[in-house]
């Protein structure tokens, strides 16, 4: 069974958002990292780049496949998780601790379009 954390927001494309104030930490879910297998590379945007809800902002590559990262929210990238540049496999160790980007949210109402933990659990059939 995949780890799913209450209080986060989830997208249909298996990204999560952890909201702290005006900021959102975006990463891929535990379910997604299990599906991908060993993550070998994470393509991330630059600080100050804009991300738009429903559009890709990078990619995660594993031994099995490459998968676009779709932003669940819109905003400005204020930080990227540089640890993933050297050790992308951190996502496999703990997908929720090892977020990919931190954004300043431009429209918090977009969070209403995302799923809560219970809805995400139903979607992945667990």
Protein backbone atom coordinates (compact mmCIF):
# COMPACT_ATOMS: atom_id res chain seq x y z
CA UNK A 1 0.00 0.00 0.00
CA UNK A 2 1.15 3.48 -0.83
CA UNK A 3 1.78 6.07 1.83
CA UNK A 4 -0.80 8.86 1.63
CA UNK A 5 -0.64 11.84 3.96
CA UNK A 6 -3.73 13.66 5.21
CA UNK A 7 -3.71 17.43 4.85
CA UNK A 8 -1.95 17.49 1.47
CA UNK A 9 -3.55 18.21 -1.90
CA UNK A 10 -3.30 15.62 -4.67
CA UNK A 11 -3.58 15.82 -8.47
CA UNK A 12 -4.80 13.20 -10.93
CA UNK A 13 -1.28 13.11 -12.39
CA UNK A 14 0.11 11.99 -8.98
CA UNK A 15 1.70 15.19 -7.73
CA UNK A 16 1.07 16.52 -4.25
CA UNK A 17 1.11 20.02 -2.77
CA UNK A 18 1.98 20.67 0.87
CA UNK A 19 0.78 24.18 1.67
CA UNK A 20 2.56 26.35 4.23
CA UNK A 21 1.24 29.92 4.27
CA UNK A 22 1.54 31.37 0.77
CA UNK A 23 3.88 28.62 -0.38
CA UNK A 24 3.37 25.16 -1.79
CA UNK A 25 5.88 22.33 -1.81
CA UNK A 26 5.29 20.18 -4.90
CA UNK A 27 6.50 16.64 -5.38
CA UNK A 28 5.34 13.27 -6.64
CA UNK A 29 3.36 10.86 -4.50
CA UNK A 30 4.60 7.64 -2.98
CA UNK A 31 2.31 5.79 -5.42
CA UNK A 32 3.99 7.57 -8.36
CA UNK A 33 7.53 6.75 -7.23
CA UNK A 34 6.51 3.07 -6.82
CA UNK A 35 5.10 3.06 -10.36
CA UNK A 36 8.23 4.70 -11.80
CA UNK A 37 10.78 2.54 -10.01
CA UNK A 38 14.33 3.78 -9.37
CA UNK A 39 14.47 7.52 -10.08
CA UNK A 40 17.73 8.40 -11.84
CA UNK A 41 17.18 12.05 -12.85
CA UNK A 42 14.87 14.94 -11.96
CA UNK A 43 14.50 17.79 -14.46
CA UNK A 44 13.51 20.90 -12.49
CA UNK A 45 12.75 24.50 -13.45
CA UNK A 46 14.86 27.46 -12.37
CA UNK A 47 14.14 29.73 -9.42
CA UNK A 48 11.87 32.63 -10.56
CA UNK A 49 10.29 30.49 -13.31
CA UNK A 50 6.49 30.61 -13.45
CA UNK A 51 4.52 27.39 -13.23
CA UNK A 52 0.90 27.05 -14.32
CA UNK A 53 -1.69 24.63 -12.96
CA UNK A 54 -2.12 21.70 -15.38
CA UNK A 55 1.10 22.40 -17.31
CA UNK A 56 4.40 20.58 -17.05
CA UNK A 57 7.31 22.05 -15.12
CA UNK A 58 9.89 19.29 -15.53
CA UNK A 59 10.24 15.54 -15.60
CA UNK A 60 11.24 12.57 -13.50
CA UNK A 61 13.26 9.86 -15.21
CA UNK A 62 13.54 6.34 -13.90
CA UNK A 63 15.18 3.18 -15.16
CA UNK A 64 11.77 2.24 -16.63
CA UNK A 65 10.33 5.50 -17.97
CA UNK A 66 10.32 9.27 -18.08
CA UNK A 67 7.29 11.08 -16.74
CA UNK A 68 6.38 14.75 -17.10
CA UNK A 69 5.78 16.65 -13.88
CA UNK A 70 2.47 18.52 -14.05
CA UNK A 71 2.04 21.47 -11.75
CA UNK A 72 -1.06 21.15 -9.56
CA UNK A 73 -1.03 24.92 -8.89
CA UNK A 74 0.18 28.19 -10.43
CA UNK A 75 2.91 30.33 -8.98
CA UNK A 76 6.53 31.39 -8.99
CA UNK A 77 9.32 28.94 -8.19
CA UNK A 78 11.14 30.22 -5.09
CA UNK A 79 13.28 27.16 -4.45
CA UNK A 80 14.24 23.87 -6.08
CA UNK A 81 15.34 20.85 -4.11
CA UNK A 82 19.03 20.85 -5.05
CA UNK A 83 19.65 17.62 -3.15
CA UNK A 84 17.79 15.81 -5.96
CA UNK A 85 20.40 16.97 -8.50
CA UNK A 86 23.02 14.80 -6.78
CA UNK A 87 20.73 12.13 -5.37
CA UNK A 88 17.48 11.75 -7.36
CA UNK A 89 16.84 8.44 -5.60
CA UNK A 90 15.82 10.38 -2.48
CA UNK A 91 12.35 10.46 -4.07
CA UNK A 92 12.26 6.65 -3.80
CA UNK A 93 13.32 6.77 -0.15
CA UNK A 94 10.58 9.20 0.87
CA UNK A 95 8.58 10.97 -1.82
CA UNK A 96 6.82 13.23 0.68
CA UNK A 97 9.96 14.43 2.47
CA UNK A 98 11.79 15.03 -0.81
CA UNK A 99 9.67 17.66 -2.55
CA UNK A 100 10.82 18.87 -5.96
CA UNK A 101 9.96 22.59 -6.06
CA UNK A 102 8.65 25.24 -3.68
CA UNK A 103 6.36 27.83 -5.25
CA UNK A 104 4.77 31.04 -4.08
CA UNK A 105 1.11 30.37 -4.81
CA UNK A 106 -0.52 32.91 -7.11
CA UNK A 107 -4.10 31.64 -6.70
CA UNK A 108 -4.95 29.60 -3.63
CA UNK A 109 -8.45 28.88 -4.99
CA UNK A 110 -6.78 26.42 -7.41
CA UNK A 111 -6.34 24.12 -4.41
CA UNK A 112 -10.10 23.54 -4.56
CA UNK A 113 -9.57 21.65 -7.84
CA UNK A 114 -7.31 19.08 -6.18
CA UNK A 115 -8.14 15.94 -4.22
CA UNK A 116 -7.78 15.33 -0.51
CA UNK A 117 -6.11 12.16 0.79
CA UNK A 118 -9.36 10.15 0.83
CA UNK A 119 -10.23 11.03 -2.77
CA UNK A 120 -6.69 10.27 -3.94
CA UNK A 121 -6.79 6.92 -2.15
CA UNK A 122 -10.04 6.10 -3.97
CA UNK A 123 -8.54 7.13 -7.31
CA UNK A 124 -5.54 4.81 -6.99
CA UNK A 125 -7.77 2.05 -5.66
CA UNK A 126 -6.26 1.59 -2.21
